[in-house]
Amino acid sequence: MHKFDEMYERLPYAGAAIRQHYQRYDQWLAKQAPEVMNSRREEAEMIFRRVGITFAVYGAKDEDGSGTERLIPFDLLPRIIPAHEW
């Protein structure tokens, strides 16, 4: 699972410190097996499709000639915004 830029004090983030408000989350994330995180992503995608959190891509056609439905983009990892930045 790739972390996102907002978790780090500076870019590029190779060797950069984790921002203070992400430290506990980073510790939790480090303990998660990649298979578990992939499973959670797949589960979220399945729920999004079942509930209909999708959008149509007009002009793009699938095998039967109808429009293509795509999932609304989402991040499995939350953005944490500290109070002083809110």
Protein backbone atom coordinates (compact mmCIF):
# COMPACT_ATOMS: atom_id res chain seq x y z
CA MET A 1 0.00 0.00 0.00
CA HIS A 2 1.55 3.26 -1.09
CA LYS A 3 1.36 6.20 1.24
CA PHE A 4 0.45 9.57 -0.15
CA ASP A 5 2.42 12.80 -0.16
CA GLU A 6 0.41 14.51 2.57
CA MET A 7 1.81 12.10 5.16
CA TYR A 8 5.35 13.44 4.80
CA GLU A 9 7.06 16.59 6.01
CA ARG A 10 8.68 17.24 2.63
CA LEU A 11 8.98 15.87 -0.87
CA PRO A 12 10.48 13.75 -2.23
CA TYR A 13 9.44 11.58 0.68
CA ALA A 14 12.27 9.05 0.50
CA GLY A 15 13.75 9.42 3.97
CA ALA A 16 11.39 12.24 4.95
CA ALA A 17 9.72 12.25 8.36
CA ILE A 18 6.05 11.40 8.76
CA ARG A 19 3.99 14.42 9.78
CA GLN A 20 3.06 14.31 13.45
CA HIS A 21 -0.69 13.90 12.97
CA TYR A 22 -0.08 10.85 10.72
CA GLN A 23 2.35 9.02 13.00
CA ARG A 24 -0.15 6.75 14.79
CA TYR A 25 -1.86 5.94 11.52
CA ASP A 26 1.49 5.18 9.89
CA GLN A 27 2.31 2.76 12.72
CA TRP A 28 -1.03 1.00 12.23
CA LEU A 29 -0.60 0.91 8.45
CA ALA A 30 2.87 -0.63 8.75
CA LYS A 31 1.33 -3.59 10.64
CA GLN A 32 -1.26 -4.32 7.94
CA ALA A 33 -0.51 -7.13 5.53
CA PRO A 34 -0.68 -6.08 1.86
CA GLU A 35 -3.17 -8.90 1.23
CA VAL A 36 -5.52 -7.49 3.87
CA MET A 37 -5.35 -3.99 2.42
CA ASN A 38 -5.94 -5.32 -1.11
CA SER A 39 -8.91 -7.31 0.18
CA ARG A 40 -10.35 -4.18 1.80
CA ARG A 41 -9.92 -2.22 -1.43
CA GLU A 42 -11.67 -4.97 -3.40
CA GLU A 43 -14.49 -5.05 -0.85
CA ALA A 44 -14.91 -1.27 -1.07
CA GLU A 45 -14.99 -1.44 -4.88
CA MET A 46 -17.62 -4.19 -4.76
CA ILE A 47 -19.79 -2.11 -2.40
CA PHE A 48 -19.36 0.98 -4.60
CA ARG A 49 -20.52 -1.00 -7.65
CA ARG A 50 -23.45 -2.57 -5.78
CA VAL A 51 -24.63 0.78 -4.41
CA GLY A 52 -24.03 2.51 -7.73
CA ILE A 53 -21.25 4.92 -6.83
CA THR A 54 -20.16 5.08 -10.45
CA PHE A 55 -20.20 7.41 -13.40
CA ALA A 56 -20.70 6.79 -17.10
CA VAL A 57 -17.92 7.42 -19.59
CA TYR A 58 -19.60 8.52 -22.78
CA GLY A 59 -17.81 7.70 -25.98
CA ALA A 60 -16.02 4.72 -24.42
CA LYS A 61 -17.83 1.49 -25.23
CA ASP A 62 -17.57 -1.93 -23.66
CA GLU A 63 -17.99 -5.30 -25.42
CA ASP A 64 -21.75 -5.02 -25.92
CA GLY A 65 -21.56 -1.47 -27.28
CA SER A 66 -23.02 0.25 -24.24
CA GLY A 67 -21.32 3.02 -22.29
CA THR A 68 -18.68 2.21 -19.73
CA GLU A 69 -19.42 2.54 -16.01
CA ARG A 70 -16.46 3.45 -13.82
CA LEU A 71 -16.07 3.76 -10.08
CA ILE A 72 -15.85 7.17 -8.50
CA PRO A 73 -12.15 7.51 -7.56
CA PHE A 74 -11.50 7.02 -3.86
CA ASP A 75 -8.59 6.50 -1.50
CA LEU A 76 -8.51 3.63 0.93
CA LEU A 77 -6.15 5.70 3.09
CA PRO A 78 -7.80 8.66 4.80
CA ARG A 79 -6.55 12.21 4.66
CA ILE A 80 -6.01 13.46 8.20
CA ILE A 81 -6.33 17.20 8.63
CA PRO A 82 -5.21 18.60 11.98
CA ALA A 83 -7.38 21.26 13.60
CA HIS A 84 -4.85 24.06 13.03
CA GLU A 85 -4.93 23.39 9.26
CA TRP A 86 -8.70 23.06 9.07
